[in-house]
């Protein structure tokens, strides 16, 4: 299975960081990795009609978890 990795620049707060979406080509479902900022991630999800199922956080720094709560609340 070839997974698609979609990088998303999160720089609204001058963090110069990336979040990533991991997508299977067989579905519109994605896993979000290191959700730094809500707006840029939601923009890509909406533009590409993707549905998040999980959020993975590599470590607990604000620039990796800043959007976890907002994103979770947007689909739960």
PDB file of N, CA and C in Angstrom:
ATOM      1  N   UNK A   1       0.842  -1.169   0.000  1.00  0.00           N
ATOM      2  CA  UNK A   1       0.000   0.000   0.000  1.00  0.00           C
ATOM      3  C   UNK A   1       0.897   1.245   0.000  1.00  0.00           C
ATOM      4  N   UNK A   2       0.632   2.147  -0.913  1.00  0.00           N
ATOM      5  CA  UNK A   2       1.358   3.411  -0.971  1.00  0.00           C
ATOM      6  C   UNK A   2       0.553   4.483  -0.261  1.00  0.00           C
ATOM      7  N   UNK A   3       1.112   5.033   0.789  1.00  0.00           N
ATOM      8  CA  UNK A   3       0.461   6.109   1.513  1.00  0.00           C
ATOM      9  C   UNK A   3       0.912   7.445   0.941  1.00  0.00           C
ATOM     10  N   UNK A   4      -0.011   8.387   0.925  1.00  0.00           N
ATOM     11  CA  UNK A   4       0.326   9.741   0.483  1.00  0.00           C
ATOM     12  C   UNK A   4       0.595  10.588   1.721  1.00  0.00           C
ATOM     13  N   UNK A   5       1.682  11.327   1.714  1.00  0.00           N
ATOM     14  CA  UNK A   5       2.025  12.239   2.801  1.00  0.00           C
ATOM     15  C   UNK A   5       1.789  13.661   2.285  1.00  0.00           C
ATOM     16  N   UNK A   6       0.932  14.399   2.976  1.00  0.00           N
ATOM     17  CA  UNK A   6       0.591  15.761   2.576  1.00  0.00           C
ATOM     18  C   UNK A   6       1.128  16.715   3.633  1.00  0.00           C
ATOM     19  N   UNK A   7       2.187  17.482   3.308  1.00  0.00           N
ATOM     20  CA  UNK A   7       2.713  18.448   4.274  1.00  0.00           C
ATOM     21  C   UNK A   7       1.855  19.713   4.284  1.00  0.00           C
ATOM     22  N   UNK A   8       1.683  20.304   5.470  1.00  0.00           N
ATOM     23  CA  UNK A   8       0.914  21.537   5.615  1.00  0.00           C
ATOM     24  C   UNK A   8       1.758  22.527   6.424  1.00  0.00           C
ATOM     25  N   UNK A   9       2.107  23.637   5.807  1.00  0.00           N
ATOM     26  CA  UNK A   9       2.876  24.659   6.507  1.00  0.00           C
ATOM     27  C   UNK A   9       1.992  25.322   7.562  1.00  0.00           C
ATOM     28  N   UNK A  10       2.458  25.352   8.781  1.00  0.00           N
ATOM     29  CA  UNK A  10       1.779  26.013   9.899  1.00  0.00           C
ATOM     30  C   UNK A  10       2.665  27.167  10.340  1.00  0.00           C
ATOM     31  N   UNK A  11       2.360  28.348   9.836  1.00  0.00           N
ATOM     32  CA  UNK A  11       3.229  29.483  10.102  1.00  0.00           C
ATOM     33  C   UNK A  11       2.446  30.735  10.491  1.00  0.00           C
ATOM     34  N   UNK A  12       1.187  30.589  10.888  1.00  0.00           N
ATOM     35  CA  UNK A  12       0.392  31.754  11.274  1.00  0.00           C
ATOM     36  C   UNK A  12       0.974  32.446  12.503  1.00  0.00           C
ATOM     37  N   UNK A  13       1.573  31.694  13.379  1.00  0.00           N
ATOM     38  CA  UNK A  13       2.169  32.239  14.608  1.00  0.00           C
ATOM     39  C   UNK A  13       3.688  32.272  14.510  1.00  0.00           C
ATOM     40  N   UNK A  14       4.186  32.332  13.267  1.00  0.00           N
ATOM     41  CA  UNK A  14       5.624  32.366  12.988  1.00  0.00           C
ATOM     42  C   UNK A  14       6.370  31.176  13.587  1.00  0.00           C
ATOM     43  N   UNK A  15       5.713  30.017  13.587  1.00  0.00           N
ATOM     44  CA  UNK A  15       6.356  28.811  14.094  1.00  0.00           C
ATOM     45  C   UNK A  15       7.215  28.138  13.037  1.00  0.00           C
ATOM     46  N   UNK A  16       6.917  28.417  11.763  1.00  0.00           N
ATOM     47  CA  UNK A  16       7.628  27.780  10.655  1.00  0.00           C
ATOM     48  C   UNK A  16       7.709  26.277  10.867  1.00  0.00           C
ATOM     49  N   UNK A  17       6.556  25.675  11.072  1.00  0.00           N
ATOM     50  CA  UNK A  17       6.460  24.256  11.366  1.00  0.00           C
ATOM     51  C   UNK A  17       5.552  23.586  10.349  1.00  0.00           C
ATOM     52  N   UNK A  18       5.583  22.276  10.293  1.00  0.00           N
ATOM     53  CA  UNK A  18       4.711  21.532   9.400  1.00  0.00           C
ATOM     54  C   UNK A  18       3.873  20.538  10.189  1.00  0.00           C
ATOM     55  N   UNK A  19       2.641  20.415   9.758  1.00  0.00           N
ATOM     56  CA  UNK A  19       1.792  19.289  10.137  1.00  0.00           C
ATOM     57  C   UNK A  19       1.763  18.384   8.909  1.00  0.00           C
ATOM     58  N   UNK A  20       1.379  17.146   9.109  1.00  0.00           N
ATOM     59  CA  UNK A  20       1.320  16.211   7.988  1.00  0.00           C
ATOM     60  C   UNK A  20       0.011  15.447   8.022  1.00  0.00           C
ATOM     61  N   UNK A  21      -0.502  15.158   6.840  1.00  0.00           N
ATOM     62  CA  UNK A  21      -1.639  14.264   6.703  1.00  0.00           C
ATOM     63  C   UNK A  21      -1.120  12.986   6.076  1.00  0.00           C
ATOM     64  N   UNK A  22      -1.515  11.857   6.621  1.00  0.00           N
ATOM     65  CA  UNK A  22      -1.175  10.558   6.048  1.00  0.00           C
ATOM     66  C   UNK A  22      -2.467   9.993   5.469  1.00  0.00           C
ATOM     67  N   UNK A  23      -2.444   9.749   4.148  1.00  0.00           N
ATOM     68  CA  UNK A  23      -3.660   9.349   3.440  1.00  0.00           C
ATOM     69  C   UNK A  23      -3.436   8.068   2.659  1.00  0.00           C
ATOM     70  N   UNK A  24      -4.395   7.184   2.776  1.00  0.00           N
ATOM     71  CA  UNK A  24      -4.419   6.000   1.941  1.00  0.00           C
ATOM     72  C   UNK A  24      -5.058   6.372   0.608  1.00  0.00           C
ATOM     73  N   UNK A  25      -4.515   5.911  -0.502  1.00  0.00           N
ATOM     74  CA  UNK A  25      -5.119   6.238  -1.791  1.00  0.00           C
ATOM     75  C   UNK A  25      -6.518   5.645  -1.969  1.00  0.00           C
ATOM     76  N   UNK A  26      -6.870   4.669  -1.146  1.00  0.00           N
ATOM     77  CA  UNK A  26      -8.165   4.002  -1.286  1.00  0.00           C
ATOM     78  C   UNK A  26      -9.295   4.715  -0.548  1.00  0.00           C
ATOM     79  N   UNK A  27      -8.993   5.805   0.149  1.00  0.00           N
ATOM     80  CA  UNK A  27     -10.011   6.444   0.977  1.00  0.00           C
ATOM     81  C   UNK A  27      -9.753   7.936   1.076  1.00  0.00           C
ATOM     82  N   UNK A  28     -10.744   8.653   1.595  1.00  0.00           N
ATOM     83  CA  UNK A  28     -10.554  10.086   1.844  1.00  0.00           C
ATOM     84  C   UNK A  28     -10.239  10.340   3.316  1.00  0.00           C
ATOM     85  N   UNK A  29      -9.968   9.284   4.058  1.00  0.00           N
ATOM     86  CA  UNK A  29      -9.645   9.422   5.475  1.00  0.00           C
ATOM     87  C   UNK A  29      -8.147   9.656   5.656  1.00  0.00           C
ATOM     88  N   UNK A  30      -7.838  10.524   6.644  1.00  0.00           N
ATOM     89  CA  UNK A  30      -6.439  10.854   6.904  1.00  0.00           C
ATOM     90  C   UNK A  30      -6.154  10.810   8.397  1.00  0.00           C
ATOM     91  N   UNK A  31      -4.895  10.643   8.708  1.00  0.00           N
ATOM     92  CA  UNK A  31      -4.374  10.798  10.064  1.00  0.00           C
ATOM     93  C   UNK A  31      -3.565  12.086  10.059  1.00  0.00           C
ATOM     94  N   UNK A  32      -3.787  12.929  11.049  1.00  0.00           N
ATOM     95  CA  UNK A  32      -3.049  14.180  11.177  1.00  0.00           C
ATOM     96  C   UNK A  32      -1.864  13.932  12.116  1.00  0.00           C
ATOM     97  N   UNK A  33      -0.692  14.380  11.703  1.00  0.00           N
ATOM     98  CA  UNK A  33       0.507  14.243  12.534  1.00  0.00           C
ATOM     99  C   UNK A  33       0.997  15.644  12.911  1.00  0.00           C
ATOM    100  N   UNK A  34       1.186  15.860  14.206  1.00  0.00           N
ATOM    101  CA  UNK A  34       1.710  17.123  14.747  1.00  0.00           C
ATOM    102  C   UNK A  34       0.866  18.329  14.333  1.00  0.00           C
ATOM    103  N   UNK A  35      -0.326  18.365  14.841  1.00  0.00           N
ATOM    104  CA  UNK A  35      -1.292  19.421  14.514  1.00  0.00           C
ATOM    105  C   UNK A  35      -0.936  20.726  15.220  1.00  0.00           C
ATOM    106  N   UNK A  36      -0.144  21.548  14.564  1.00  0.00           N
ATOM    107  CA  UNK A  36       0.346  22.779  15.182  1.00  0.00           C
ATOM    108  C   UNK A  36      -0.701  23.893  15.192  1.00  0.00           C
ATOM    109  N   UNK A  37      -1.400  24.103  14.064  1.00  0.00           N
ATOM    110  CA  UNK A  37      -2.353  25.208  13.935  1.00  0.00           C
ATOM    111  C   UNK A  37      -3.619  24.720  13.232  1.00  0.00           C
ATOM    112  N   UNK A  38      -4.745  25.214  13.684  1.00  0.00           N
ATOM    113  CA  UNK A  38      -6.036  24.751  13.192  1.00  0.00           C
ATOM    114  C   UNK A  38      -6.332  25.199  11.767  1.00  0.00           C
ATOM    115  N   UNK A  39      -6.240  26.487  11.484  1.00  0.00           N
ATOM    116  CA  UNK A  39      -6.704  27.027  10.199  1.00  0.00           C
ATOM    117  C   UNK A  39      -6.049  26.401   8.968  1.00  0.00           C
ATOM    118  N   UNK A  40      -4.726  26.295   8.911  1.00  0.00           N
ATOM    119  CA  UNK A  40      -4.150  25.714   7.695  1.00  0.00           C
ATOM    120  C   UNK A  40      -4.517  24.244   7.504  1.00  0.00           C
ATOM    121  N   UNK A  41      -4.678  23.523   8.590  1.00  0.00           N
ATOM    122  CA  UNK A  41      -5.054  22.114   8.483  1.00  0.00           C
ATOM    123  C   UNK A  41      -6.495  21.986   8.009  1.00  0.00           C
ATOM    124  N   UNK A  42      -7.405  22.747   8.612  1.00  0.00           N
ATOM    125  CA  UNK A  42      -8.806  22.708   8.181  1.00  0.00           C
ATOM    126  C   UNK A  42      -8.953  23.116   6.719  1.00  0.00           C
ATOM    127  N   UNK A  43      -8.160  24.080   6.287  1.00  0.00           N
ATOM    128  CA  UNK A  43      -8.222  24.525   4.890  1.00  0.00           C
ATOM    129  C   UNK A  43      -7.923  23.371   3.935  1.00  0.00           C
ATOM    130  N   UNK A  44      -6.851  22.634   4.210  1.00  0.00           N
ATOM    131  CA  UNK A  44      -6.491  21.507   3.346  1.00  0.00           C
ATOM    132  C   UNK A  44      -7.542  20.399   3.436  1.00  0.00           C
ATOM    133  N   UNK A  45      -8.019  20.106   4.634  1.00  0.00           N
ATOM    134  CA  UNK A  45      -9.053  19.073   4.786  1.00  0.00           C
ATOM    135  C   UNK A  45     -10.287  19.426   3.959  1.00  0.00           C
ATOM    136  N   UNK A  46     -10.707  20.674   4.028  1.00  0.00           N
ATOM    137  CA  UNK A  46     -11.904  21.103   3.287  1.00  0.00           C
ATOM    138  C   UNK A  46     -11.656  21.124   1.784  1.00  0.00           C
ATOM    139  N   UNK A  47     -10.525  21.678   1.359  1.00  0.00           N
ATOM    140  CA  UNK A  47     -10.213  21.766  -0.076  1.00  0.00           C
ATOM    141  C   UNK A  47     -10.136  20.388  -0.726  1.00  0.00           C
ATOM    142  N   UNK A  48      -9.562  19.431  -0.018  1.00  0.00           N
ATOM    143  CA  UNK A  48      -9.371  18.102  -0.598  1.00  0.00           C
ATOM    144  C   UNK A  48     -10.448  17.102  -0.167  1.00  0.00           C
ATOM    145  N   UNK A  49     -11.447  17.609   0.571  1.00  0.00           N
ATOM    146  CA  UNK A  49     -12.562  16.772   1.039  1.00  0.00           C
ATOM    147  C   UNK A  49     -12.069  15.532   1.790  1.00  0.00           C
ATOM    148  N   UNK A  50     -11.193  15.775   2.769  1.00  0.00           N
ATOM    149  CA  UNK A  50     -10.599  14.708   3.561  1.00  0.00           C
ATOM    150  C   UNK A  50     -11.242  14.647   4.934  1.00  0.00           C
ATOM    151  N   UNK A  51     -11.304  13.450   5.488  1.00  0.00           N
ATOM    152  CA  UNK A  51     -11.890  13.230   6.803  1.00  0.00           C
ATOM    153  C   UNK A  51     -10.824  12.710   7.754  1.00  0.00           C
ATOM    154  N   UNK A  52     -10.518  13.466   8.808  1.00  0.00           N
ATOM    155  CA  UNK A  52      -9.540  12.974   9.775  1.00  0.00           C
ATOM    156  C   UNK A  52     -10.137  11.890  10.664  1.00  0.00           C
ATOM    157  N   UNK A  53      -9.311  10.927  11.029  1.00  0.00           N
ATOM    158  CA  UNK A  53      -9.755   9.854  11.925  1.00  0.00           C
ATOM    159  C   UNK A  53      -8.961   9.834  13.225  1.00  0.00           C
ATOM    160  N   UNK A  54      -7.711  10.303  13.168  1.00  0.00           N
ATOM    161  CA  UNK A  54      -6.833  10.286  14.330  1.00  0.00           C
ATOM    162  C   UNK A  54      -5.872  11.468  14.259  1.00  0.00           C
ATOM    163  N   UNK A  55      -5.356  11.839  15.420  1.00  0.00           N
ATOM    164  CA  UNK A  55      -4.264  12.798  15.498  1.00  0.00           C
ATOM    165  C   UNK A  55      -3.112  12.111  16.227  1.00  0.00           C
ATOM    166  N   UNK A  56      -1.948  12.124  15.603  1.00  0.00           N
ATOM    167  CA  UNK A  56      -0.741  11.587  16.234  1.00  0.00           C
ATOM    168  C   UNK A  56       0.173  12.752  16.593  1.00  0.00           C
ATOM    169  N   UNK A  57       0.720  12.707  17.783  1.00  0.00           N
ATOM    170  CA  UNK A  57       1.614  13.766  18.251  1.00  0.00           C
ATOM    171  C   UNK A  57       2.972  13.147  18.553  1.00  0.00           C
ATOM    172  N   UNK A  58       4.011  13.673  17.921  1.00  0.00           N
ATOM    173  CA  UNK A  58       5.336  13.086  18.110  1.00  0.00           C
ATOM    174  C   UNK A  58       5.944  13.455  19.453  1.00  0.00           C
ATOM    175  N   UNK A  59       5.603  14.642  19.966  1.00  0.00           N
ATOM    176  CA  UNK A  59       6.038  15.039  21.297  1.00  0.00           C
ATOM    177  C   UNK A  59       5.211  16.231  21.754  1.00  0.00           C
ATOM    178  N   UNK A  60       5.248  16.510  23.036  1.00  0.00           N
ATOM    179  CA  UNK A  60       4.342  17.498  23.619  1.00  0.00           C
ATOM    180  C   UNK A  60       5.000  18.873  23.735  1.00  0.00           C
ATOM    181  N   UNK A  61       5.140  19.528  22.596  1.00  0.00           N
ATOM    182  CA  UNK A  61       5.507  20.943  22.550  1.00  0.00           C
ATOM    183  C   UNK A  61       4.345  21.646  21.872  1.00  0.00           C
ATOM    184  N   UNK A  62       4.120  22.909  22.224  1.00  0.00           N
ATOM    185  CA  UNK A  62       2.969  23.629  21.685  1.00  0.00           C
ATOM    186  C   UNK A  62       2.945  23.620  20.159  1.00  0.00           C
ATOM    187  N   UNK A  63       4.114  23.714  19.525  1.00  0.00           N
ATOM    188  CA  UNK A  63       4.145  23.746  18.061  1.00  0.00           C
ATOM    189  C   UNK A  63       3.849  22.382  17.431  1.00  0.00           C
ATOM    190  N   UNK A  64       3.507  21.405  18.252  1.00  0.00           N
ATOM    191  CA  UNK A  64       3.099  20.093  17.746  1.00  0.00           C
ATOM    192  C   UNK A  64       1.709  19.684  18.233  1.00  0.00           C
ATOM    193  N   UNK A  65       1.171  20.388  19.208  1.00  0.00           N
ATOM    194  CA  UNK A  65      -0.139  20.016  19.776  1.00  0.00           C
ATOM    195  C   UNK A  65      -1.141  21.164  19.779  1.00  0.00           C
ATOM    196  N   UNK A  66      -0.754  22.331  19.285  1.00  0.00           N
ATOM    197  CA  UNK A  66      -1.574  23.529  19.410  1.00  0.00           C
ATOM    198  C   UNK A  66      -2.980  23.423  18.867  1.00  0.00           C
ATOM    199  N   UNK A  67      -3.208  22.566  17.886  1.00  0.00           N
ATOM    200  CA  UNK A  67      -4.534  22.462  17.265  1.00  0.00           C
ATOM    201  C   UNK A  67      -5.281  21.181  17.640  1.00  0.00           C
ATOM    202  N   UNK A  68      -4.714  20.359  18.486  1.00  0.00           N
ATOM    203  CA  UNK A  68      -5.350  19.068  18.802  1.00  0.00           C
ATOM    204  C   UNK A  68      -6.797  19.219  19.265  1.00  0.00           C
ATOM    205  N   UNK A  69      -7.035  20.085  20.229  1.00  0.00           N
ATOM    206  CA  UNK A  69      -8.384  20.225  20.790  1.00  0.00           C
ATOM    207  C   UNK A  69      -9.350  20.787  19.758  1.00  0.00           C
ATOM    208  N   UNK A  70      -8.960  21.866  19.075  1.00  0.00           N
ATOM    209  CA  UNK A  70      -9.851  22.465  18.071  1.00  0.00           C
ATOM    210  C   UNK A  70     -10.191  21.489  16.964  1.00  0.00           C
ATOM    211  N   UNK A  71      -9.206  20.767  16.474  1.00  0.00           N
ATOM    212  CA  UNK A  71      -9.464  19.821  15.388  1.00  0.00           C
ATOM    213  C   UNK A  71     -10.339  18.672  15.848  1.00  0.00           C
ATOM    214  N   UNK A  72     -10.069  18.147  17.020  1.00  0.00           N
ATOM    215  CA  UNK A  72     -10.896  17.065  17.558  1.00  0.00           C
ATOM    216  C   UNK A  72     -12.349  17.531  17.710  1.00  0.00           C
ATOM    217  N   UNK A  73     -12.533  18.727  18.232  1.00  0.00           N
ATOM    218  CA  UNK A  73     -13.886  19.265  18.401  1.00  0.00           C
ATOM    219  C   UNK A  73     -14.582  19.511  17.066  1.00  0.00           C
ATOM    220  N   UNK A  74     -13.827  19.728  16.004  1.00  0.00           N
ATOM    221  CA  UNK A  74     -14.430  20.015  14.697  1.00  0.00           C
ATOM    222  C   UNK A  74     -15.016  18.771  14.036  1.00  0.00           C
ATOM    223  N   UNK A  75     -14.580  17.571  14.426  1.00  0.00           N
ATOM    224  CA  UNK A  75     -15.152  16.382  13.795  1.00  0.00           C
ATOM    225  C   UNK A  75     -15.819  15.419  14.765  1.00  0.00           C
ATOM    226  N   UNK A  76     -15.717  15.645  16.046  1.00  0.00           N
ATOM    227  CA  UNK A  76     -16.366  14.754  17.023  1.00  0.00           C
ATOM    228  C   UNK A  76     -17.716  15.296  17.443  1.00  0.00           C
TER     229      UNK A  76
END
